[in-house]
N, C-alpha and C. Protein backbone atom coordinates (compact mmCIF):
# COMPACT_ATOMS: atom_id res chain seq x y z
N MET A 1 3.81 2.20 13.56
CA MET A 1 4.58 2.75 12.45
C MET A 1 3.79 2.56 11.16
N HIS A 2 3.86 3.54 10.30
CA HIS A 2 3.27 3.40 8.97
C HIS A 2 4.34 2.92 8.00
N TYR A 3 3.90 2.13 7.02
CA TYR A 3 4.78 1.65 5.95
C TYR A 3 4.08 1.89 4.63
N LEU A 4 4.85 2.36 3.64
CA LEU A 4 4.33 2.56 2.28
C LEU A 4 4.80 1.41 1.40
N LEU A 5 3.84 0.73 0.82
CA LEU A 5 4.13 -0.28 -0.19
C LEU A 5 3.86 0.38 -1.53
N ALA A 6 4.89 0.48 -2.34
CA ALA A 6 4.76 1.12 -3.66
C ALA A 6 4.90 0.08 -4.75
N TYR A 7 3.96 0.09 -5.68
CA TYR A 7 3.97 -0.80 -6.84
C TYR A 7 4.27 -0.01 -8.10
N GLU A 8 4.99 -0.64 -9.02
CA GLU A 8 5.13 -0.14 -10.39
C GLU A 8 4.45 -1.17 -11.29
N PHE A 9 3.57 -0.71 -12.18
CA PHE A 9 2.78 -1.60 -13.03
C PHE A 9 3.41 -1.80 -14.40
N VAL A 10 3.05 -2.93 -15.02
CA VAL A 10 3.39 -3.17 -16.42
C VAL A 10 2.61 -2.15 -17.27
N PRO A 11 3.10 -1.82 -18.47
CA PRO A 11 2.42 -0.83 -19.31
C PRO A 11 0.97 -1.21 -19.64
N ASP A 12 0.66 -2.49 -19.78
CA ASP A 12 -0.71 -2.90 -20.13
C ASP A 12 -1.51 -3.36 -18.91
N TYR A 13 -1.20 -2.78 -17.75
CA TYR A 13 -1.87 -3.14 -16.49
C TYR A 13 -3.40 -3.11 -16.61
N LEU A 14 -3.95 -2.03 -17.13
CA LEU A 14 -5.41 -1.92 -17.20
C LEU A 14 -6.04 -3.02 -18.04
N ALA A 15 -5.39 -3.40 -19.10
CA ALA A 15 -5.92 -4.45 -19.97
C ALA A 15 -5.84 -5.83 -19.30
N ARG A 16 -4.92 -6.01 -18.36
CA ARG A 16 -4.69 -7.33 -17.76
C ARG A 16 -5.27 -7.51 -16.36
N ARG A 17 -5.68 -6.44 -15.68
CA ARG A 17 -6.04 -6.57 -14.27
C ARG A 17 -7.37 -7.24 -13.98
N ALA A 18 -8.31 -7.23 -14.92
CA ALA A 18 -9.67 -7.68 -14.65
C ALA A 18 -9.74 -9.08 -14.04
N GLN A 19 -8.99 -10.01 -14.56
CA GLN A 19 -9.08 -11.39 -14.07
C GLN A 19 -8.50 -11.57 -12.67
N TYR A 20 -7.73 -10.60 -12.18
CA TYR A 20 -7.11 -10.70 -10.85
C TYR A 20 -7.68 -9.69 -9.85
N ARG A 21 -8.53 -8.79 -10.32
CA ARG A 21 -8.96 -7.67 -9.47
C ARG A 21 -9.75 -8.12 -8.25
N ASP A 22 -10.70 -9.02 -8.39
CA ASP A 22 -11.49 -9.46 -7.24
C ASP A 22 -10.61 -10.10 -6.17
N ALA A 23 -9.68 -10.94 -6.58
CA ALA A 23 -8.77 -11.59 -5.62
C ALA A 23 -7.88 -10.55 -4.94
N HIS A 24 -7.40 -9.58 -5.70
CA HIS A 24 -6.58 -8.50 -5.13
C HIS A 24 -7.39 -7.70 -4.12
N LEU A 25 -8.60 -7.30 -4.50
CA LEU A 25 -9.44 -6.51 -3.61
C LEU A 25 -9.84 -7.30 -2.36
N ASP A 26 -10.10 -8.58 -2.51
CA ASP A 26 -10.43 -9.42 -1.35
C ASP A 26 -9.26 -9.42 -0.36
N LEU A 27 -8.07 -9.62 -0.86
CA LEU A 27 -6.87 -9.61 -0.01
C LEU A 27 -6.71 -8.25 0.67
N ALA A 28 -6.93 -7.18 -0.07
CA ALA A 28 -6.78 -5.83 0.47
C ALA A 28 -7.82 -5.54 1.55
N TRP A 29 -9.08 -5.90 1.30
CA TRP A 29 -10.12 -5.64 2.31
C TRP A 29 -9.92 -6.51 3.55
N GLN A 30 -9.36 -7.69 3.40
CA GLN A 30 -9.03 -8.51 4.58
C GLN A 30 -7.96 -7.81 5.41
N ALA A 31 -6.94 -7.28 4.75
CA ALA A 31 -5.88 -6.56 5.46
C ALA A 31 -6.44 -5.32 6.15
N SER A 32 -7.37 -4.65 5.49
CA SER A 32 -8.01 -3.48 6.08
C SER A 32 -8.84 -3.87 7.31
N SER A 33 -9.58 -4.95 7.20
CA SER A 33 -10.41 -5.42 8.32
C SER A 33 -9.58 -5.79 9.54
N ARG A 34 -8.36 -6.26 9.30
CA ARG A 34 -7.45 -6.59 10.41
C ARG A 34 -6.76 -5.35 10.98
N GLY A 35 -6.98 -4.19 10.36
CA GLY A 35 -6.35 -2.96 10.82
C GLY A 35 -4.94 -2.77 10.31
N GLU A 36 -4.52 -3.57 9.34
CA GLU A 36 -3.16 -3.48 8.80
C GLU A 36 -3.06 -2.45 7.68
N MET A 37 -4.01 -2.50 6.75
CA MET A 37 -4.00 -1.57 5.62
C MET A 37 -4.87 -0.37 5.95
N VAL A 38 -4.29 0.82 5.82
CA VAL A 38 -4.99 2.05 6.15
C VAL A 38 -5.68 2.63 4.91
N LEU A 39 -4.96 2.69 3.82
CA LEU A 39 -5.45 3.22 2.55
C LEU A 39 -4.70 2.54 1.42
N ALA A 40 -5.32 2.49 0.25
CA ALA A 40 -4.63 1.92 -0.91
C ALA A 40 -5.32 2.39 -2.17
N GLY A 41 -4.55 2.51 -3.24
CA GLY A 41 -5.14 2.86 -4.52
C GLY A 41 -4.08 3.08 -5.58
N ALA A 42 -4.54 3.04 -6.81
CA ALA A 42 -3.66 3.24 -7.97
C ALA A 42 -3.32 4.72 -8.10
N VAL A 43 -2.16 5.00 -8.72
CA VAL A 43 -1.71 6.38 -8.92
C VAL A 43 -1.30 6.60 -10.38
N GLY A 44 -1.36 7.86 -10.76
CA GLY A 44 -0.94 8.23 -12.11
C GLY A 44 -2.10 8.41 -13.05
N ASP A 45 -1.81 9.10 -14.15
CA ASP A 45 -2.80 9.29 -15.21
C ASP A 45 -2.04 9.37 -16.52
N PRO A 46 -1.85 8.27 -17.18
CA PRO A 46 -2.49 6.96 -16.95
C PRO A 46 -1.90 6.24 -15.74
N LEU A 47 -2.65 5.28 -15.23
CA LEU A 47 -2.22 4.53 -14.05
C LEU A 47 -0.89 3.83 -14.33
N ASP A 48 0.08 4.07 -13.45
CA ASP A 48 1.37 3.41 -13.63
C ASP A 48 1.89 2.76 -12.36
N GLY A 49 1.11 2.84 -11.29
CA GLY A 49 1.53 2.24 -10.03
C GLY A 49 0.44 2.35 -8.99
N ALA A 50 0.81 1.99 -7.76
CA ALA A 50 -0.13 2.07 -6.64
C ALA A 50 0.65 2.36 -5.37
N LEU A 51 -0.03 2.97 -4.42
CA LEU A 51 0.50 3.20 -3.09
C LEU A 51 -0.45 2.56 -2.09
N LEU A 52 0.11 1.78 -1.18
CA LEU A 52 -0.67 1.10 -0.16
C LEU A 52 -0.05 1.46 1.19
N VAL A 53 -0.86 1.97 2.10
CA VAL A 53 -0.38 2.41 3.40
C VAL A 53 -0.75 1.36 4.44
N PHE A 54 0.24 0.90 5.18
CA PHE A 54 0.05 -0.09 6.23
C PHE A 54 0.41 0.52 7.57
N GLN A 55 -0.22 0.02 8.63
CA GLN A 55 0.16 0.36 9.99
C GLN A 55 0.47 -0.95 10.69
N ALA A 56 1.72 -1.09 11.15
CA ALA A 56 2.16 -2.35 11.74
C ALA A 56 3.42 -2.11 12.57
N ASP A 57 3.84 -3.16 13.27
CA ASP A 57 5.05 -3.08 14.08
C ASP A 57 6.33 -3.27 13.26
N SER A 58 6.19 -3.80 12.06
CA SER A 58 7.37 -4.03 11.22
C SER A 58 6.93 -4.01 9.75
N PRO A 59 7.88 -3.92 8.83
CA PRO A 59 7.54 -3.94 7.42
C PRO A 59 7.08 -5.31 6.93
N ALA A 60 7.22 -6.33 7.75
CA ALA A 60 6.87 -7.70 7.35
C ALA A 60 5.42 -7.82 6.90
N VAL A 61 4.52 -7.07 7.49
CA VAL A 61 3.10 -7.14 7.12
C VAL A 61 2.90 -6.68 5.68
N ALA A 62 3.49 -5.55 5.32
CA ALA A 62 3.37 -5.04 3.95
C ALA A 62 4.09 -5.96 2.97
N GLU A 63 5.25 -6.48 3.36
CA GLU A 63 5.99 -7.39 2.49
C GLU A 63 5.21 -8.67 2.24
N ALA A 64 4.58 -9.21 3.27
CA ALA A 64 3.78 -10.43 3.11
C ALA A 64 2.59 -10.19 2.20
N PHE A 65 1.98 -9.01 2.33
CA PHE A 65 0.87 -8.66 1.44
C PHE A 65 1.34 -8.69 -0.01
N ALA A 66 2.44 -8.00 -0.30
CA ALA A 66 2.94 -7.94 -1.68
C ALA A 66 3.25 -9.33 -2.21
N LYS A 67 3.88 -10.15 -1.42
CA LYS A 67 4.28 -11.48 -1.88
C LYS A 67 3.09 -12.38 -2.19
N SER A 68 1.92 -12.08 -1.61
CA SER A 68 0.74 -12.90 -1.86
C SER A 68 -0.29 -12.22 -2.77
N ASP A 69 -0.04 -10.98 -3.15
CA ASP A 69 -0.99 -10.22 -3.99
C ASP A 69 -1.02 -10.79 -5.40
N PRO A 70 -2.21 -11.12 -5.91
CA PRO A 70 -2.33 -11.65 -7.27
C PRO A 70 -1.76 -10.72 -8.34
N TYR A 71 -1.76 -9.42 -8.11
CA TYR A 71 -1.16 -8.50 -9.06
C TYR A 71 0.35 -8.74 -9.16
N VAL A 72 0.98 -9.06 -8.03
CA VAL A 72 2.41 -9.34 -8.01
C VAL A 72 2.69 -10.73 -8.56
N THR A 73 1.97 -11.73 -8.05
CA THR A 73 2.26 -13.12 -8.42
C THR A 73 1.95 -13.41 -9.88
N ASN A 74 1.11 -12.58 -10.50
CA ASN A 74 0.77 -12.79 -11.91
C ASN A 74 1.43 -11.79 -12.85
N GLY A 75 2.42 -11.06 -12.35
CA GLY A 75 3.25 -10.23 -13.22
C GLY A 75 2.70 -8.87 -13.61
N LEU A 76 1.66 -8.37 -12.95
CA LEU A 76 1.16 -7.03 -13.26
C LEU A 76 2.01 -5.95 -12.59
N VAL A 77 2.72 -6.34 -11.55
CA VAL A 77 3.61 -5.44 -10.83
C VAL A 77 5.04 -5.79 -11.23
N THR A 78 5.76 -4.81 -11.77
CA THR A 78 7.13 -5.07 -12.20
C THR A 78 8.13 -4.89 -11.08
N ARG A 79 7.76 -4.07 -10.09
CA ARG A 79 8.66 -3.79 -8.97
C ARG A 79 7.82 -3.32 -7.80
N TRP A 80 8.22 -3.73 -6.59
CA TRP A 80 7.57 -3.21 -5.40
C TRP A 80 8.61 -2.94 -4.32
N THR A 81 8.32 -1.95 -3.48
CA THR A 81 9.19 -1.59 -2.38
C THR A 81 8.35 -1.29 -1.15
N VAL A 82 8.93 -1.52 0.02
CA VAL A 82 8.31 -1.14 1.28
C VAL A 82 9.28 -0.20 2.00
N LYS A 83 8.74 0.95 2.43
CA LYS A 83 9.55 1.92 3.15
C LYS A 83 8.81 2.40 4.39
N PRO A 84 9.54 2.62 5.48
CA PRO A 84 8.89 3.21 6.65
C PRO A 84 8.46 4.64 6.34
N TRP A 85 7.30 5.00 6.84
CA TRP A 85 6.78 6.36 6.63
C TRP A 85 6.63 6.97 8.01
N HIS A 86 7.43 7.96 8.29
CA HIS A 86 7.45 8.59 9.60
C HIS A 86 6.40 9.70 9.63
N THR A 87 5.17 9.34 9.99
CA THR A 87 4.05 10.27 9.96
C THR A 87 4.07 11.14 11.22
N VAL A 88 3.98 12.46 11.02
CA VAL A 88 4.09 13.40 12.14
C VAL A 88 2.90 14.36 12.26
N VAL A 89 2.08 14.48 11.23
CA VAL A 89 0.94 15.39 11.27
C VAL A 89 -0.31 14.64 10.85
N GLY A 90 -1.39 14.87 11.59
CA GLY A 90 -2.68 14.26 11.27
C GLY A 90 -3.16 13.37 12.41
N GLU A 91 -4.45 13.12 12.39
CA GLU A 91 -5.07 12.33 13.45
C GLU A 91 -4.48 10.93 13.58
N GLN A 92 -4.02 10.35 12.47
CA GLN A 92 -3.49 8.99 12.51
C GLN A 92 -1.96 8.94 12.52
N ALA A 93 -1.30 10.08 12.70
CA ALA A 93 0.16 10.11 12.75
C ALA A 93 0.65 9.20 13.88
N THR A 94 1.67 8.41 13.59
CA THR A 94 2.18 7.49 14.62
C THR A 94 3.17 8.16 15.55
N THR A 95 3.79 9.26 15.10
CA THR A 95 4.70 10.02 15.97
C THR A 95 4.39 11.51 15.79
N PRO A 96 3.25 11.95 16.35
CA PRO A 96 2.84 13.35 16.16
C PRO A 96 3.88 14.33 16.70
N VAL A 97 4.12 15.37 15.92
CA VAL A 97 5.02 16.44 16.33
C VAL A 97 4.27 17.75 16.18
N LYS A 98 4.12 18.47 17.28
CA LYS A 98 3.43 19.78 17.27
C LYS A 98 4.48 20.89 17.26
N PRO A 99 4.13 22.02 16.70
CA PRO A 99 5.08 23.15 16.73
C PRO A 99 5.27 23.62 18.18
N ALA A 100 6.42 24.22 18.43
CA ALA A 100 6.72 24.71 19.78
C ALA A 100 5.66 25.67 20.29
N SER A 101 5.07 26.45 19.38
CA SER A 101 4.05 27.42 19.78
C SER A 101 2.76 26.77 20.26
N ALA A 102 2.59 25.47 19.99
CA ALA A 102 1.35 24.77 20.38
C ALA A 102 1.37 24.35 21.84
N GLY A 103 2.50 24.48 22.47
CA GLY A 103 2.35 24.06 23.76
C GLY A 103 3.23 23.85 24.81
């Protein structure tokens, strides 16, 4: 199952992130190396949040990431949520659904 971890940032996120960025990225690349995190990155222009995609058996993996993320623990994230993402199209879809005409 895929899970989306969504972050909302403080207004001065860019000014404050530098001192926590390496620790955040280290945590993220560790999760990626374990096969838990599929993709992640900031969203918006200007940046106002982030989306992180996890693949796991439960939302606990994404929740544990958020609870230990330096961006969260140091107040750069004002709110975070984890939601199941029911992926149906694409090579990495966890529950692929093909049109009836396909087969």
